[in-house]
PDB file of N, CA and C in Angstrom:
ATOM      1  N   MET A   1    -139.084 118.457  -0.126  1.00  0.00           N
ATOM      2  CA  MET A   1    -138.934 117.099  -0.615  1.00  0.00           C
ATOM      3  C   MET A   1    -138.288 117.076  -1.997  1.00  0.00           C
ATOM      4  N   ARG A   2    -138.760 117.962  -2.863  1.00  0.00           N
ATOM      5  CA  ARG A   2    -138.207 117.986  -4.210  1.00  0.00           C
ATOM      6  C   ARG A   2    -136.751 118.424  -4.212  1.00  0.00           C
ATOM      7  N   LYS A   3    -136.421 119.379  -3.313  1.00  0.00           N
ATOM      8  CA  LYS A   3    -135.038 119.841  -3.247  1.00  0.00           C
ATOM      9  C   LYS A   3    -134.117 118.715  -2.788  1.00  0.00           C
ATOM     10  N   THR A   4    -134.522 117.978  -1.785  1.00  0.00           N
ATOM     11  CA  THR A   4    -133.677 116.891  -1.298  1.00  0.00           C
ATOM     12  C   THR A   4    -133.544 115.803  -2.353  1.00  0.00           C
ATOM     13  N   LEU A   5    -134.605 115.544  -3.080  1.00  0.00           N
ATOM     14  CA  LEU A   5    -134.546 114.543  -4.142  1.00  0.00           C
ATOM     15  C   LEU A   5    -133.593 115.005  -5.252  1.00  0.00           C
ATOM     16  N   ALA A   6    -133.690 116.274  -5.613  1.00  0.00           N
ATOM     17  CA  ALA A   6    -132.817 116.813  -6.655  1.00  0.00           C
ATOM     18  C   ALA A   6    -131.358 116.786  -6.198  1.00  0.00           C
ATOM     19  N   ILE A   7    -131.121 117.157  -4.967  1.00  0.00           N
ATOM     20  CA  ILE A   7    -129.759 117.147  -4.432  1.00  0.00           C
ATOM     21  C   ILE A   7    -129.218 115.714  -4.394  1.00  0.00           C
ATOM     22  N   ALA A   8    -130.048 114.778  -3.975  1.00  0.00           N
ATOM     23  CA  ALA A   8    -129.629 113.378  -3.916  1.00  0.00           C
ATOM     24  C   ALA A   8    -129.303 112.854  -5.309  1.00  0.00           C
ATOM     25  N   LEU A   9    -130.115 113.217  -6.289  1.00  0.00           N
ATOM     26  CA  LEU A   9    -129.846 112.777  -7.666  1.00  0.00           C
ATOM     27  C   LEU A   9    -128.557 113.390  -8.198  1.00  0.00           C
ATOM     28  N   MET A  10    -128.318 114.660  -7.916  1.00  0.00           N
ATOM     29  CA  MET A  10    -127.091 115.313  -8.369  1.00  0.00           C
ATOM     30  C   MET A  10    -125.870 114.693  -7.696  1.00  0.00           C
ATOM     31  N   LEU A  11    -125.997 114.388  -6.417  1.00  0.00           N
ATOM     32  CA  LEU A  11    -124.900 113.760  -5.700  1.00  0.00           C
ATOM     33  C   LEU A  11    -124.600 112.382  -6.271  1.00  0.00           C
ATOM     34  N   THR A  12    -125.641 111.620  -6.543  1.00  0.00           N
ATOM     35  CA  THR A  12    -125.472 110.279  -7.115  1.00  0.00           C
ATOM     36  C   THR A  12    -124.826 110.360  -8.498  1.00  0.00           C
ATOM     37  N   ALA A  13    -125.268 111.306  -9.305  1.00  0.00           N
ATOM     38  CA  ALA A  13    -124.693 111.472 -10.639  1.00  0.00           C
ATOM     39  C   ALA A  13    -123.222 111.873 -10.543  1.00  0.00           C
ATOM     40  N   SER A  14    -122.898 112.747  -9.611  1.00  0.00           N
ATOM     41  CA  SER A  14    -121.505 113.182  -9.436  1.00  0.00           C
ATOM     42  C   SER A  14    -120.623 112.019  -9.018  1.00  0.00           C
ATOM     43  N   LEU A  15    -121.093 111.217  -8.089  1.00  0.00           N
ATOM     44  CA  LEU A  15    -120.315 110.067  -7.651  1.00  0.00           C
ATOM     45  C   LEU A  15    -120.167 109.044  -8.778  1.00  0.00           C
ATOM     46  N   GLY A  16    -121.204 108.886  -9.557  1.00  0.00           N
ATOM     47  CA  GLY A  16    -121.136 107.966 -10.690  1.00  0.00           C
ATOM     48  C   GLY A  16    -120.102 108.406 -11.703  1.00  0.00           C
ATOM     49  N   LEU A  17    -120.039 109.695 -11.992  1.00  0.00           N
ATOM     50  CA  LEU A  17    -119.049 110.215 -12.926  1.00  0.00           C
ATOM     51  C   LEU A  17    -117.640 110.102 -12.356  1.00  0.00           C
ATOM     52  N   ALA A  18    -117.509 110.334 -11.070  1.00  0.00           N
ATOM     53  CA  ALA A  18    -116.201 110.234 -10.439  1.00  0.00           C
ATOM     54  C   ALA A  18    -115.685 108.790 -10.485  1.00  0.00           C
ATOM     55  N   ALA A  19    -116.571 107.841 -10.365  1.00  0.00           N
ATOM     56  CA  ALA A  19    -116.176 106.433 -10.411  1.00  0.00           C
ATOM     57  C   ALA A  19    -115.743 106.031 -11.821  1.00  0.00           C
ATOM     58  N   CYS A  20    -116.289 106.654 -12.837  1.00  0.00           N
ATOM     59  CA  CYS A  20    -115.937 106.316 -14.220  1.00  0.00           C
ATOM     60  C   CYS A  20    -114.516 106.732 -14.565  1.00  0.00           C
ATOM     61  N   ASP A  21    -113.993 107.746 -13.934  1.00  0.00           N
ATOM     62  CA  ASP A  21    -112.650 108.223 -14.237  1.00  0.00           C
ATOM     63  C   ASP A  21    -111.588 107.194 -13.900  1.00  0.00           C
ATOM     64  N   LYS A  22    -111.833 106.332 -12.971  1.00  0.00           N
ATOM     65  CA  LYS A  22    -110.858 105.316 -12.573  1.00  0.00           C
ATOM     66  C   LYS A  22    -110.500 104.419 -13.760  1.00  0.00           C
ATOM     67  N   LYS A  23    -111.462 104.086 -14.565  1.00  0.00           N
ATOM     68  CA  LYS A  23    -111.212 103.210 -15.704  1.00  0.00           C
ATOM     69  C   LYS A  23    -110.269 103.855 -16.707  1.00  0.00           C
ATOM     70  N   SER A  24    -110.424 105.149 -16.933  1.00  0.00           N
ATOM     71  CA  SER A  24    -109.542 105.811 -17.892  1.00  0.00           C
ATOM     72  C   SER A  24    -108.108 105.844 -17.369  1.00  0.00           C
ATOM     73  N   GLU A  25    -107.924 105.956 -16.057  1.00  0.00           N
ATOM     74  CA  GLU A  25    -106.585 105.901 -15.486  1.00  0.00           C
ATOM     75  C   GLU A  25    -105.980 104.514 -15.690  1.00  0.00           C
ATOM     76  N   ASP A  26    -106.799 103.493 -15.489  1.00  0.00           N
ATOM     77  CA  ASP A  26    -106.316 102.126 -15.699  1.00  0.00           C
ATOM     78  C   ASP A  26    -105.923 101.914 -17.153  1.00  0.00           C
ATOM     79  N   LYS A  27    -106.721 102.445 -18.065  1.00  0.00           N
ATOM     80  CA  LYS A  27    -106.411 102.301 -19.484  1.00  0.00           C
ATOM     81  C   LYS A  27    -105.117 103.024 -19.836  1.00  0.00           C
ATOM     82  N   ALA A  28    -104.888 104.163 -19.227  1.00  0.00           N
ATOM     83  CA  ALA A  28    -103.649 104.900 -19.490  1.00  0.00           C
ATOM     84  C   ALA A  28    -102.448 104.116 -18.976  1.00  0.00           C
ATOM     85  N   GLN A  29    -102.581 103.506 -17.819  1.00  0.00           N
ATOM     86  CA  GLN A  29    -101.483 102.698 -17.279  1.00  0.00           C
ATOM     87  C   GLN A  29    -101.213 101.488 -18.169  1.00  0.00           C
ATOM     88  N   ASP A  30    -102.282 100.852 -18.628  1.00  0.00           N
ATOM     89  CA  ASP A  30    -102.122  99.713 -19.536  1.00  0.00           C
ATOM     90  C   ASP A  30    -101.436 100.140 -20.834  1.00  0.00           C
ATOM     91  N   ALA A  31    -101.834 101.303 -21.332  1.00  0.00           N
ATOM     92  CA  ALA A  31    -101.223 101.803 -22.568  1.00  0.00           C
ATOM     93  C   ALA A  31     -99.734 102.058 -22.364  1.00  0.00           C
ATOM     94  N   ASN A  32     -99.375 102.601 -21.219  1.00  0.00           N
ATOM     95  CA  ASN A  32     -97.952 102.838 -20.932  1.00  0.00           C
ATOM     96  C   ASN A  32     -97.178 101.533 -20.851  1.00  0.00           C
ATOM     97  N   GLN A  33     -97.773 100.532 -20.227  1.00  0.00           N
ATOM     98  CA  GLN A  33     -97.110  99.229 -20.136  1.00  0.00           C
ATOM     99  C   GLN A  33     -96.906  98.628 -21.514  1.00  0.00           C
ATOM    100  N   HIS A  34     -97.923  98.729 -22.359  1.00  0.00           N
ATOM    101  CA  HIS A  34     -97.812  98.181 -23.714  1.00  0.00           C
ATOM    102  C   HIS A  34     -96.762  98.943 -24.518  1.00  0.00           C
ATOM    103  N   ALA A  35     -96.685 100.243 -24.298  1.00  0.00           N
ATOM    104  CA  ALA A  35     -95.680 101.034 -25.011  1.00  0.00           C
ATOM    105  C   ALA A  35     -94.279 100.624 -24.578  1.00  0.00           C
ATOM    106  N   GLU A  36     -94.087 100.382 -23.289  1.00  0.00           N
ATOM    107  CA  GLU A  36     -92.780  99.943 -22.795  1.00  0.00           C
ATOM    108  C   GLU A  36     -92.417  98.575 -23.372  1.00  0.00           C
ATOM    109  N   GLN A  37     -93.388  97.674 -23.416  1.00  0.00           N
ATOM    110  CA  GLN A  37     -93.135  96.345 -23.977  1.00  0.00           C
ATOM    111  C   GLN A  37     -92.787  96.450 -25.461  1.00  0.00           C
ATOM    112  N   ALA A  38     -93.488  97.302 -26.164  1.00  0.00           N
ATOM    113  CA  ALA A  38     -93.215  97.482 -27.589  1.00  0.00           C
ATOM    114  C   ALA A  38     -91.806  98.032 -27.794  1.00  0.00           C
ATOM    115  N   GLN A  39     -91.397  98.969 -26.930  1.00  0.00           N
ATOM    116  CA  GLN A  39     -90.054  99.529 -27.042  1.00  0.00           C
ATOM    117  C   GLN A  39     -89.001  98.461 -26.784  1.00  0.00           C
ATOM    118  N   GLN A  40     -89.241  97.599 -25.801  1.00  0.00           N
ATOM    119  CA  GLN A  40     -88.301  96.518 -25.523  1.00  0.00           C
ATOM    120  C   GLN A  40     -88.188  95.570 -26.707  1.00  0.00           C
ATOM    121  N   LYS A  41     -89.312  95.240 -27.301  1.00  0.00           N
ATOM    122  CA  LYS A  41     -89.304  94.347 -28.469  1.00  0.00           C
ATOM    123  C   LYS A  41     -88.564  94.997 -29.637  1.00  0.00           C
ATOM    124  N   MET A  42     -88.752  96.299 -29.814  1.00  0.00           N
ATOM    125  CA  MET A  42     -88.046  96.999 -30.889  1.00  0.00           C
ATOM    126  C   MET A  42     -86.545  96.984 -30.637  1.00  0.00           C
ATOM    127  N   ASN A  43     -86.145  97.159 -29.385  1.00  0.00           N
ATOM    128  CA  ASN A  43     -84.714  97.114 -29.061  1.00  0.00           C
ATOM    129  C   ASN A  43     -84.139  95.723 -29.330  1.00  0.00           C
ATOM    130  N   GLU A  44     -84.882  94.685 -28.960  1.00  0.00           N
ATOM    131  CA  GLU A  44     -84.432  93.321 -29.225  1.00  0.00           C
ATOM    132  C   GLU A  44     -84.311  93.069 -30.725  1.00  0.00           C
ATOM    133  N   ALA A  45     -85.284  93.551 -31.482  1.00  0.00           N
ATOM    134  CA  ALA A  45     -85.248  93.369 -32.934  1.00  0.00           C
ATOM    135  C   ALA A  45     -84.055  94.105 -33.532  1.00  0.00           C
ATOM    136  N   GLN A  46     -83.775  95.300 -33.029  1.00  0.00           N
ATOM    137  CA  GLN A  46     -82.631  96.059 -33.537  1.00  0.00           C
ATOM    138  C   GLN A  46     -81.328  95.343 -33.219  1.00  0.00           C
ATOM    139  N   ASP A  47     -81.245  94.756 -32.034  1.00  0.00           N
ATOM    140  CA  ASP A  47     -80.045  93.984 -31.680  1.00  0.00           C
ATOM    141  C   ASP A  47     -79.856  92.804 -32.631  1.00  0.00           C
ATOM    142  N   LYS A  48     -80.948  92.137 -32.975  1.00  0.00           N
ATOM    143  CA  LYS A  48     -80.854  91.006 -33.901  1.00  0.00           C
ATOM    144  C   LYS A  48     -80.417  91.469 -35.288  1.00  0.00           C
ATOM    145  N   VAL A  49     -80.927  92.612 -35.709  1.00  0.00           N
ATOM    146  CA  VAL A  49     -80.531  93.160 -37.009  1.00  0.00           C
ATOM    147  C   VAL A  49     -79.043  93.492 -37.000  1.00  0.00           C
ATOM    148  N   ASN A  50     -78.567  94.083 -35.899  1.00  0.00           N
ATOM    149  CA  ASN A  50     -77.140  94.412 -35.794  1.00  0.00           C
ATOM    150  C   ASN A  50     -76.282  93.152 -35.819  1.00  0.00           C
ATOM    151  N   ASP A  51     -76.721  92.116 -35.114  1.00  0.00           N
ATOM    152  CA  ASP A  51     -75.980  90.851 -35.125  1.00  0.00           C
ATOM    153  C   ASP A  51     -75.930  90.255 -36.533  1.00  0.00           C
ATOM    154  N   ALA A  52     -77.046  90.309 -37.228  1.00  0.00           N
ATOM    155  CA  ALA A  52     -77.088  89.773 -38.592  1.00  0.00           C
ATOM    156  C   ALA A  52     -76.159  90.560 -39.508  1.00  0.00           C
ATOM    157  N   ALA A  53     -76.106  91.873 -39.322  1.00  0.00           N
ATOM    158  CA  ALA A  53     -75.220  92.695 -40.147  1.00  0.00           C
ATOM    159  C   ALA A  53     -73.760  92.337 -39.881  1.00  0.00           C
ATOM    160  N   LYS A  54     -73.427  92.114 -38.618  1.00  0.00           N
ATOM    161  CA  LYS A  54     -72.050  91.715 -38.288  1.00  0.00           C
ATOM    162  C   LYS A  54     -71.704  90.374 -38.928  1.00  0.00           C
ATOM    163  N   GLU A  55     -72.634  89.427 -38.860  1.00  0.00           N
ATOM    164  CA  GLU A  55     -72.398  88.113 -39.463  1.00  0.00           C
ATOM    165  C   GLU A  55     -72.226  88.234 -40.972  1.00  0.00           C
ATOM    166  N   ASN A  56     -73.032  89.088 -41.604  1.00  0.00           N
ATOM    167  CA  ASN A  56     -72.901  89.292 -43.054  1.00  0.00           C
ATOM    168  C   ASN A  56     -71.552  89.895 -43.398  1.00  0.00           C
ATOM    169  N   ALA A  57     -71.090  90.843 -42.575  1.00  0.00           N
ATOM    170  CA  ALA A  57     -69.790  91.462 -42.831  1.00  0.00           C
ATOM    171  C   ALA A  57     -68.674  90.433 -42.691  1.00  0.00           C
ATOM    172  N   GLU A  58     -68.760  89.590 -41.676  1.00  0.00           N
ATOM    173  CA  GLU A  58     -67.752  88.545 -41.482  1.00  0.00           C
ATOM    174  C   GLU A  58     -67.776  87.544 -42.637  1.00  0.00           C
ATOM    175  N   ALA A  59     -68.982  87.198 -43.086  1.00  0.00           N
ATOM    176  CA  ALA A  59     -69.101  86.258 -44.202  1.00  0.00           C
ATOM    177  C   ALA A  59     -68.508  86.864 -45.471  1.00  0.00           C
ATOM    178  N   ALA A  60     -68.740  88.147 -45.696  1.00  0.00           N
ATOM    179  CA  ALA A  60     -68.181  88.810 -46.883  1.00  0.00           C
ATOM    180  C   ALA A  60     -66.655  88.836 -46.800  1.00  0.00           C
ATOM    181  N   LYS A  61     -66.137  89.079 -45.603  1.00  0.00           N
ATOM    182  CA  LYS A  61     -64.682  89.097 -45.429  1.00  0.00           C
ATOM    183  C   LYS A  61     -64.102  87.712 -45.701  1.00  0.00           C
ATOM    184  N   ASP A  62     -64.746  86.691 -45.154  1.00  0.00           N
ATOM    185  CA  ASP A  62     -64.280  85.319 -45.389  1.00  0.00           C
ATOM    186  C   ASP A  62     -64.358  84.960 -46.871  1.00  0.00           C
ATOM    187  N   GLN A  63     -65.410  85.399 -47.527  1.00  0.00           N
ATOM    188  CA  GLN A  63     -65.572  85.124 -48.962  1.00  0.00           C
ATOM    189  C   GLN A  63     -64.463  85.800 -49.760  1.00  0.00           C
ATOM    190  N   ALA A  64     -64.131  87.024 -49.386  1.00  0.00           N
ATOM    191  CA  ALA A  64     -63.066  87.746 -50.089  1.00  0.00           C
ATOM    192  C   ALA A  64     -61.726  87.041 -49.893  1.00  0.00           C
ATOM    193  N   GLU A  65     -61.459  86.586 -48.681  1.00  0.00           N
ATOM    194  CA  GLU A  65     -60.220  85.855 -48.420  1.00  0.00           C
ATOM    195  C   GLU A  65     -60.178  84.553 -49.214  1.00  0.00           C
ATOM    196  N   SER A  66     -61.302  83.877 -49.289  1.00  0.00           N
ATOM    197  CA  SER A  66     -61.379  82.630 -50.047  1.00  0.00           C
ATOM    198  C   SER A  66     -61.135  82.882 -51.530  1.00  0.00           C
ATOM    199  N   ASN A  67     -61.738  83.947 -52.049  1.00  0.00           N
ATOM    200  CA  ASN A  67     -61.536  84.289 -53.467  1.00  0.00           C
ATOM    201  C   ASN A  67     -60.074  84.631 -53.739  1.00  0.00           C
ATOM    202  N   GLN A  68     -59.459  85.346 -52.815  1.00  0.00           N
ATOM    203  CA  GLN A  68     -58.051  85.704 -52.994  1.00  0.00           C
ATOM    204  C   GLN A  68     -57.173  84.456 -52.967  1.00  0.00           C
ATOM    205  N   ALA A  69     -57.466  83.541 -52.067  1.00  0.00           N
ATOM    206  CA  ALA A  69     -56.687  82.301 -52.001  1.00  0.00           C
ATOM    207  C   ALA A  69     -56.867  81.492 -53.282  1.00  0.00           C
ATOM    208  N   ALA A  70     -58.077  81.471 -53.803  1.00  0.00           N
ATOM    209  CA  ALA A  70     -58.332  80.729 -55.042  1.00  0.00           C
ATOM    210  C   ALA A  70     -57.575  81.373 -56.206  1.00  0.00           C
ATOM    211  N   GLN A  71     -57.501  82.677 -56.257  1.00  0.00           N
ATOM    212  CA  GLN A  71     -56.774  83.346 -57.319  1.00  0.00           C
ATOM    213  C   GLN A  71     -55.276  83.073 -57.218  1.00  0.00           C
ATOM    214  N   GLU A  72     -54.769  83.046 -55.996  1.00  0.00           N
ATOM    215  CA  GLU A  72     -53.349  82.753 -55.808  1.00  0.00           C
ATOM    216  C   GLU A  72     -53.022  81.319 -56.249  1.00  0.00           C
ATOM    217  N   GLU A  73     -53.904  80.389 -55.963  1.00  0.00           N
ATOM    218  CA  GLU A  73     -53.700  78.991 -56.381  1.00  0.00           C
ATOM    219  C   GLU A  73     -53.734  78.883 -57.897  1.00  0.00           C
ATOM    220  N   ALA A  74     -54.695  79.602 -58.476  1.00  0.00           N
ATOM    221  CA  ALA A  74     -54.804  79.566 -59.928  1.00  0.00           C
ATOM    222  C   ALA A  74     -53.555  80.159 -60.586  1.00  0.00           C
ATOM    223  N   ALA A  75     -52.999  81.180 -59.973  1.00  0.00           N
ATOM    224  CA  ALA A  75     -51.791  81.807 -60.511  1.00  0.00           C
ATOM    225  C   ALA A  75     -50.598  80.866 -60.384  1.00  0.00           C
ATOM    226  N   LYS A  76     -50.538  80.084 -59.315  1.00  0.00           N
ATOM    227  CA  LYS A  76     -49.443  79.123 -59.139  1.00  0.00           C
ATOM    228  C   LYS A  76     -49.500  78.021 -60.177  1.00  0.00           C
ATOM    229  N   LYS A  77     -50.685  77.612 -60.556  1.00  0.00           N
ATOM    230  CA  LYS A  77     -50.854  76.529 -61.524  1.00  0.00           C
ATOM    231  C   LYS A  77     -50.448  76.956 -62.932  1.00  0.00           C
ATOM    232  N   GLN A  78     -50.503  78.235 -63.193  1.00  0.00           N
ATOM    233  CA  GLN A  78     -50.182  78.695 -64.553  1.00  0.00           C
ATOM    234  C   GLN A  78     -48.746  78.832 -64.744  1.00  0.00           C
TER     235      GLN A  78
END
């Protein structure tokens, strides 16, 4: 009787531990999904930074052209 009880308890404990492992697998999958989402957001942010840099470069070019035109006008007036 004691042997069967001990075996039954060990079997129950083993099954209980085996069932707990499923949660850690789910957590790992969730972590991977969050990592992928974070990477996508970082890529989007980098694209926005690149776009802003291009706009700044274009604005600087336009400003330089405007300054040059203003200098040419000032030279004509003198």
